[in-house]
């Protein structure tokens, strides 16, 4: 049990480090590098109101999650068991999809 708790702490620390490097500005955020193309700037910017799968923008995170559930079948199971808040979880999913180009 102790090794499982240690692994969770290591995973949480890694997640926090990766998320701190993620640009979390809104849709109007500017890129730190002027050499990047406009498309790559938009891809790397996390916006809690924008769907992870299409260009739909919601009013807030809850409406965005509702849209992703209805349109794309995406749910976050076991919400009560998350070790981070829901927005951080969605940021992580954004990181996996757009930075690591991995499937969920």
C-alpha atoms as a PDB file:
ATOM      1  CA  UNK A   1       0.000   0.000   0.000  1.00  0.00           C
ATOM      2  CA  UNK A   2       2.854   2.385   0.808  1.00  0.00           C
ATOM      3  CA  UNK A   3       4.452   1.898  -2.605  1.00  0.00           C
ATOM      4  CA  UNK A   4       1.104   2.656  -4.268  1.00  0.00           C
ATOM      5  CA  UNK A   5       0.839   5.899  -2.263  1.00  0.00           C
ATOM      6  CA  UNK A   6       4.417   6.790  -3.194  1.00  0.00           C
ATOM      7  CA  UNK A   7       3.645   6.179  -6.877  1.00  0.00           C
ATOM      8  CA  UNK A   8       0.571   8.423  -6.658  1.00  0.00           C
ATOM      9  CA  UNK A   9       2.728  11.187  -5.154  1.00  0.00           C
ATOM     10  CA  UNK A  10       5.324  10.773  -7.917  1.00  0.00           C
ATOM     11  CA  UNK A  11       2.609  10.810 -10.590  1.00  0.00           C
ATOM     12  CA  UNK A  12       0.984  13.908  -9.061  1.00  0.00           C
ATOM     13  CA  UNK A  13       4.350  15.704  -8.918  1.00  0.00           C
ATOM     14  CA  UNK A  14       5.033  14.849 -12.569  1.00  0.00           C
ATOM     15  CA  UNK A  15       1.555  16.033 -13.571  1.00  0.00           C
ATOM     16  CA  UNK A  16       2.004  19.316 -11.693  1.00  0.00           C
ATOM     17  CA  UNK A  17       5.368  19.895 -13.387  1.00  0.00           C
ATOM     18  CA  UNK A  18       3.965  19.199 -16.858  1.00  0.00           C
ATOM     19  CA  UNK A  19       0.908  21.381 -16.264  1.00  0.00           C
ATOM     20  CA  UNK A  20       3.050  24.252 -15.007  1.00  0.00           C
ATOM     21  CA  UNK A  21       4.816  24.225 -18.387  1.00  0.00           C
ATOM     22  CA  UNK A  22       1.516  24.287 -20.288  1.00  0.00           C
ATOM     23  CA  UNK A  23       0.372  27.670 -21.595  1.00  0.00           C
ATOM     24  CA  UNK A  24      -3.041  28.182 -19.990  1.00  0.00           C
ATOM     25  CA  UNK A  25      -3.926  31.531 -21.513  1.00  0.00           C
ATOM     26  CA  UNK A  26      -7.279  32.152 -23.126  1.00  0.00           C
ATOM     27  CA  UNK A  27      -7.992  32.382 -26.843  1.00  0.00           C
ATOM     28  CA  UNK A  28      -6.377  35.853 -27.006  1.00  0.00           C
ATOM     29  CA  UNK A  29      -3.086  34.767 -25.426  1.00  0.00           C
ATOM     30  CA  UNK A  30       0.062  35.627 -27.341  1.00  0.00           C
ATOM     31  CA  UNK A  31       2.862  33.214 -28.072  1.00  0.00           C
ATOM     32  CA  UNK A  32       6.192  33.616 -26.302  1.00  0.00           C
ATOM     33  CA  UNK A  33       7.976  32.872 -29.575  1.00  0.00           C
ATOM     34  CA  UNK A  34       7.209  34.867 -32.714  1.00  0.00           C
ATOM     35  CA  UNK A  35       8.694  32.103 -34.893  1.00  0.00           C
ATOM     36  CA  UNK A  36       5.828  29.691 -34.187  1.00  0.00           C
ATOM     37  CA  UNK A  37       3.044  29.497 -36.723  1.00  0.00           C
ATOM     38  CA  UNK A  38      -0.438  30.710 -35.753  1.00  0.00           C
ATOM     39  CA  UNK A  39      -1.823  27.153 -35.923  1.00  0.00           C
ATOM     40  CA  UNK A  40       0.708  25.760 -33.463  1.00  0.00           C
ATOM     41  CA  UNK A  41       0.062  28.630 -31.045  1.00  0.00           C
ATOM     42  CA  UNK A  42      -3.673  27.898 -31.023  1.00  0.00           C
ATOM     43  CA  UNK A  43      -3.101  24.174 -30.544  1.00  0.00           C
ATOM     44  CA  UNK A  44      -0.893  24.598 -27.456  1.00  0.00           C
ATOM     45  CA  UNK A  45      -3.114  27.072 -25.619  1.00  0.00           C
ATOM     46  CA  UNK A  46      -5.497  25.533 -23.106  1.00  0.00           C
ATOM     47  CA  UNK A  47      -8.936  27.125 -22.824  1.00  0.00           C
ATOM     48  CA  UNK A  48     -11.313  25.501 -20.335  1.00  0.00           C
ATOM     49  CA  UNK A  49     -14.307  26.595 -22.409  1.00  0.00           C
ATOM     50  CA  UNK A  50     -13.157  25.027 -25.706  1.00  0.00           C
ATOM     51  CA  UNK A  51     -14.003  21.426 -26.558  1.00  0.00           C
ATOM     52  CA  UNK A  52     -11.009  19.083 -26.727  1.00  0.00           C
ATOM     53  CA  UNK A  53     -12.374  17.431 -29.868  1.00  0.00           C
ATOM     54  CA  UNK A  54     -13.946  20.205 -31.974  1.00  0.00           C
ATOM     55  CA  UNK A  55     -13.965  24.003 -32.174  1.00  0.00           C
ATOM     56  CA  UNK A  56     -17.093  24.441 -30.032  1.00  0.00           C
ATOM     57  CA  UNK A  57     -16.784  27.081 -27.294  1.00  0.00           C
ATOM     58  CA  UNK A  58     -18.932  26.903 -24.174  1.00  0.00           C
ATOM     59  CA  UNK A  59     -19.722  29.541 -21.564  1.00  0.00           C
ATOM     60  CA  UNK A  60     -17.830  27.685 -18.811  1.00  0.00           C
ATOM     61  CA  UNK A  61     -16.095  24.425 -17.932  1.00  0.00           C
ATOM     62  CA  UNK A  62     -19.274  22.653 -16.805  1.00  0.00           C
ATOM     63  CA  UNK A  63     -21.046  23.423 -20.092  1.00  0.00           C
ATOM     64  CA  UNK A  64     -17.934  22.314 -21.977  1.00  0.00           C
ATOM     65  CA  UNK A  65     -17.905  18.969 -20.140  1.00  0.00           C
ATOM     66  CA  UNK A  66     -21.621  18.575 -20.844  1.00  0.00           C
ATOM     67  CA  UNK A  67     -20.988  19.251 -24.560  1.00  0.00           C
ATOM     68  CA  UNK A  68     -18.125  16.727 -24.690  1.00  0.00           C
ATOM     69  CA  UNK A  69     -20.299  14.117 -22.956  1.00  0.00           C
ATOM     70  CA  UNK A  70     -23.264  14.608 -25.312  1.00  0.00           C
ATOM     71  CA  UNK A  71     -21.398  15.108 -28.597  1.00  0.00           C
ATOM     72  CA  UNK A  72     -18.279  13.003 -28.143  1.00  0.00           C
ATOM     73  CA  UNK A  73     -19.144  10.533 -25.384  1.00  0.00           C
ATOM     74  CA  UNK A  74     -16.334  11.752 -23.134  1.00  0.00           C
ATOM     75  CA  UNK A  75     -16.897  11.437 -19.415  1.00  0.00           C
ATOM     76  CA  UNK A  76     -14.569  11.710 -16.441  1.00  0.00           C
ATOM     77  CA  UNK A  77     -15.402   8.689 -14.288  1.00  0.00           C
ATOM     78  CA  UNK A  78     -15.047   8.592 -10.505  1.00  0.00           C
ATOM     79  CA  UNK A  79     -15.002  12.368 -10.018  1.00  0.00           C
ATOM     80  CA  UNK A  80     -14.947  11.904  -6.251  1.00  0.00           C
ATOM     81  CA  UNK A  81     -11.672   9.955  -6.560  1.00  0.00           C
ATOM     82  CA  UNK A  82      -9.712  12.588  -8.514  1.00  0.00           C
ATOM     83  CA  UNK A  83      -6.564  13.772  -6.741  1.00  0.00           C
ATOM     84  CA  UNK A  84      -6.757  17.073  -8.653  1.00  0.00           C
ATOM     85  CA  UNK A  85      -9.611  19.449  -9.431  1.00  0.00           C
ATOM     86  CA  UNK A  86     -11.666  18.874 -12.575  1.00  0.00           C
ATOM     87  CA  UNK A  87     -10.141  21.754 -14.554  1.00  0.00           C
ATOM     88  CA  UNK A  88      -6.649  20.372 -13.894  1.00  0.00           C
ATOM     89  CA  UNK A  89      -7.819  16.978 -15.157  1.00  0.00           C
ATOM     90  CA  UNK A  90      -9.100  18.569 -18.382  1.00  0.00           C
ATOM     91  CA  UNK A  91      -5.775  20.451 -18.726  1.00  0.00           C
ATOM     92  CA  UNK A  92      -4.022  17.108 -18.444  1.00  0.00           C
ATOM     93  CA  UNK A  93      -6.235  15.610 -21.159  1.00  0.00           C
ATOM     94  CA  UNK A  94      -5.415  18.643 -23.343  1.00  0.00           C
ATOM     95  CA  UNK A  95      -1.719  18.027 -22.690  1.00  0.00           C
ATOM     96  CA  UNK A  96      -2.024  14.357 -23.674  1.00  0.00           C
ATOM     97  CA  UNK A  97      -3.939  15.142 -26.871  1.00  0.00           C
ATOM     98  CA  UNK A  98      -2.123  18.227 -28.158  1.00  0.00           C
ATOM     99  CA  UNK A  99       1.392  18.090 -26.688  1.00  0.00           C
ATOM    100  CA  UNK A 100       1.992  14.334 -26.675  1.00  0.00           C
ATOM    101  CA  UNK A 101      -0.374  13.677 -29.620  1.00  0.00           C
ATOM    102  CA  UNK A 102      -1.729  10.579 -27.886  1.00  0.00           C
ATOM    103  CA  UNK A 103      -5.213   9.097 -28.021  1.00  0.00           C
ATOM    104  CA  UNK A 104      -7.337   8.998 -24.908  1.00  0.00           C
END
